[in-house]
Amino acid sequence: MLTLLYSTGLRVSELVHLPLAACNLNAGFVRVLGKGNKERLIPFGVEAKEKIEHYLKTSRTLILKGKRSNFLFVTHHGTCMTRLRFWQIIRKTALSAGITKDISPHMLRHSFATHLLSRGADLRAVQMMLGHSDISTTQIYTHIDQDRLKKIHKKFHPRG
C-alpha cells in the first residue's frame, strides 16, 4: 500500500477504496475515481507492480481466507481498509524504520508530486495525476527547491 501510494500520489481515501479491477498490472496503470467522480489513469513503476503481485499471491489470500472481495486492499472481513487503519500502518512502519516524526498519507502524496517536479516533470502532468482541477492547487503544495530554480535560471535566462 505504501509503495503504491508513493508511486501514484493517490489520496488515502482513493487507495483504501481502490477496486481490484482498477489496477492493471500488465499496463502499469491504476484507474481512480477521484473527487467529483472524475476518473483518471495514473501510471506506476516496476517496484509497485512487483509489490502488488506479491501481495496478491500471498498476503491478500491469507487475509481473505477463502472470502471474495472487489477491493484491492482488504481486511479479514473482505471489506476495504479504513483510513484510520491505514494511518496506523503508516505510523507502525515509520516507527519500525526508526522514524519518530509523525508522517501521514498526505506526506507521501506530497513527496510524489515534489519528487516528480524536482526531477523535471511537467506541472500539468503532475496536476492530472493528482486529480487537481486547478493548477494553483498543485503549485501550492509542491515546491521546487531553490537550487533547481537557480540552475533553470542559469541555463535558460540570457543573463543567467
Protein backbone atom coordinates (compact mmCIF):
# COMPACT_ATOMS: atom_id res chain seq x y z
CA MET A 1 0.00 0.00 0.00
CA LEU A 2 2.79 2.39 0.89
CA THR A 3 4.65 1.70 -2.35
CA LEU A 4 1.52 2.21 -4.46
CA LEU A 5 0.63 5.39 -2.57
CA TYR A 6 4.07 6.91 -3.14
CA SER A 7 4.20 5.64 -6.75
CA THR A 8 0.87 7.20 -7.71
CA GLY A 9 0.17 10.09 -5.36
CA LEU A 10 -3.29 8.73 -4.59
CA ARG A 11 -5.37 10.24 -1.83
CA VAL A 12 -5.66 7.84 1.10
CA SER A 13 -9.42 7.50 0.54
CA GLU A 14 -8.76 6.56 -3.10
CA LEU A 15 -6.19 3.99 -2.04
CA VAL A 16 -8.29 2.21 0.58
CA HIS A 17 -11.36 2.10 -1.70
CA LEU A 18 -9.43 1.00 -4.79
CA PRO A 19 -11.24 -1.80 -6.61
CA LEU A 20 -9.18 -4.83 -7.59
CA ALA A 21 -10.25 -4.32 -11.21
CA ALA A 22 -8.86 -0.75 -11.19
CA CYS A 23 -5.28 -1.99 -11.04
CA ASN A 24 -3.90 -3.02 -14.43
CA LEU A 25 -0.62 -4.76 -13.64
CA ASN A 26 0.19 -5.52 -17.28
CA ALA A 27 -0.13 -1.91 -18.39
CA GLY A 28 1.23 -0.46 -15.14
CA PHE A 29 -1.72 1.86 -14.54
CA VAL A 30 -4.31 2.34 -11.86
CA ARG A 31 -7.75 3.76 -12.74
CA VAL A 32 -9.04 6.04 -9.99
CA LEU A 33 -12.38 7.66 -9.42
CA GLY A 34 -11.41 10.80 -7.52
CA LYS A 35 -13.09 13.89 -6.15
CA GLY A 36 -16.13 14.98 -8.11
CA ASN A 37 -16.33 11.49 -9.67
CA LYS A 38 -13.51 12.43 -12.04
CA GLU A 39 -11.75 9.41 -13.47
CA ARG A 40 -8.01 9.43 -14.06
CA LEU A 41 -5.32 6.95 -15.07
CA ILE A 42 -2.10 7.05 -13.11
CA PRO A 43 1.00 5.06 -14.06
CA PHE A 44 3.07 3.18 -11.52
CA GLY A 45 6.52 1.65 -11.79
CA VAL A 46 8.01 -1.82 -11.72
CA GLU A 47 8.61 -1.77 -7.97
CA ALA A 48 4.93 -1.10 -7.24
CA LYS A 49 3.90 -3.77 -9.74
CA GLU A 50 6.14 -6.35 -8.07
CA LYS A 51 4.90 -5.44 -4.58
CA ILE A 52 1.25 -5.67 -5.67
CA GLU A 53 1.82 -9.02 -7.40
CA HIS A 54 3.49 -10.36 -4.26
CA TYR A 55 0.63 -9.07 -2.09
CA LEU A 56 -1.98 -10.65 -4.37
CA LYS A 57 -0.23 -14.04 -4.37
CA THR A 58 0.47 -14.16 -0.63
CA SER A 59 -0.98 -11.71 1.87
CA ARG A 60 -4.36 -10.94 0.27
CA THR A 61 -5.20 -14.64 0.01
CA LEU A 62 -4.24 -15.21 3.65
CA ILE A 63 -6.22 -12.18 4.83
CA LEU A 64 -9.39 -13.21 2.98
CA LYS A 65 -9.24 -16.91 3.99
CA GLY A 66 -11.42 -18.00 1.08
CA LYS A 67 -13.69 -14.94 1.10
CA ARG A 68 -14.13 -12.82 -2.01
CA SER A 69 -13.72 -9.08 -2.26
CA ASN A 70 -13.79 -6.49 -5.03
CA PHE A 71 -11.27 -4.31 -3.18
CA LEU A 72 -7.54 -4.48 -3.85
CA PHE A 73 -6.54 -3.94 -0.22
CA VAL A 74 -8.77 -5.85 2.17
CA THR A 75 -9.48 -6.69 5.78
CA HIS A 76 -10.21 -10.19 7.05
CA HIS A 77 -13.92 -9.34 6.68
CA GLY A 78 -13.43 -8.85 2.93
CA THR A 79 -14.14 -5.14 3.22
CA CYS A 80 -11.85 -2.27 2.36
CA MET A 81 -9.49 -0.94 4.97
CA THR A 82 -10.44 2.23 6.80
CA ARG A 83 -8.43 5.42 6.53
CA LEU A 84 -7.70 5.19 10.26
CA ARG A 85 -6.29 1.68 9.94
CA PHE A 86 -4.05 2.82 7.11
CA TRP A 87 -2.76 5.70 9.28
CA GLN A 88 -1.95 3.13 11.96
CA ILE A 89 0.00 1.05 9.44
CA ILE A 90 1.99 4.10 8.33
CA ARG A 91 2.84 5.02 11.93
CA LYS A 92 3.89 1.46 12.77
CA THR A 93 6.00 1.20 9.61
CA ALA A 94 7.68 4.54 10.30
CA LEU A 95 8.49 3.58 13.88
CA SER A 96 9.94 0.24 12.81
CA ALA A 97 12.14 2.14 10.34
CA GLY A 98 13.35 4.41 13.14
CA ILE A 99 11.32 7.43 12.02
CA THR A 100 9.96 9.24 15.06
CA LYS A 101 8.44 12.19 13.22
CA ASP A 102 4.70 11.98 12.62
CA ILE A 103 4.08 11.07 9.00
CA SER A 104 0.80 10.95 7.14
CA PRO A 105 -0.53 9.51 3.89
CA HIS A 106 -0.68 13.05 2.54
CA MET A 107 3.06 13.41 3.09
CA LEU A 108 3.60 10.54 0.63
CA ARG A 109 1.28 12.28 -1.85
CA HIS A 110 3.25 15.48 -1.36
CA SER A 111 6.56 13.61 -1.81
CA PHE A 112 5.22 12.01 -5.00
CA ALA A 113 4.49 15.42 -6.51
CA THR A 114 7.62 17.13 -5.20
CA HIS A 115 9.93 14.37 -6.44
CA LEU A 116 8.35 14.38 -9.90
CA LEU A 117 8.68 18.14 -10.19
CA SER A 118 12.22 18.26 -8.85
CA ARG A 119 13.26 15.72 -11.48
CA GLY A 120 11.76 17.75 -14.31
CA ALA A 121 8.17 16.56 -14.66
CA ASP A 122 5.70 18.93 -16.26
CA LEU A 123 3.43 20.70 -13.75
CA ARG A 124 0.34 19.93 -15.86
CA ALA A 125 1.15 16.21 -15.90
CA VAL A 126 1.54 16.20 -12.12
CA GLN A 127 -1.74 18.11 -11.83
CA MET A 128 -3.50 15.42 -13.87
CA MET A 129 -2.02 12.56 -11.85
CA LEU A 130 -3.01 14.22 -8.59
CA GLY A 131 -6.52 14.94 -9.85
CA HIS A 132 -6.42 18.67 -9.18
CA SER A 133 -8.93 20.70 -11.16
CA ASP A 134 -6.91 23.90 -10.66
CA ILE A 135 -3.17 24.10 -11.33
CA SER A 136 -2.76 26.55 -8.43
CA THR A 137 -3.62 23.71 -6.03
CA THR A 138 -0.72 21.71 -7.42
CA GLN A 139 1.61 24.71 -7.19
CA ILE A 140 0.72 25.44 -3.57
CA TYR A 141 1.86 22.20 -2.01
CA THR A 142 4.55 21.21 -4.46
CA HIS A 143 7.64 23.29 -4.07
CA ILE A 144 10.65 23.23 -6.31
CA ASP A 145 13.91 23.57 -4.43
CA GLN A 146 15.89 26.75 -4.82
CA ASP A 147 18.96 25.05 -6.29
CA ARG A 148 16.87 23.73 -9.16
CA LEU A 149 15.40 27.18 -9.79
CA LYS A 150 18.89 28.67 -9.90
CA LYS A 151 20.03 26.01 -12.39
CA ILE A 152 17.00 26.63 -14.60
CA HIS A 153 17.59 30.36 -14.47
CA LYS A 154 21.27 29.96 -15.30
CA LYS A 155 20.53 27.58 -18.17
CA PHE A 156 17.67 29.44 -19.82
CA HIS A 157 18.00 33.11 -18.98
CA PRO A 158 20.23 35.08 -21.40
CA ARG A 159 22.00 36.74 -18.48
CA GLY A 160 21.88 33.78 -16.12
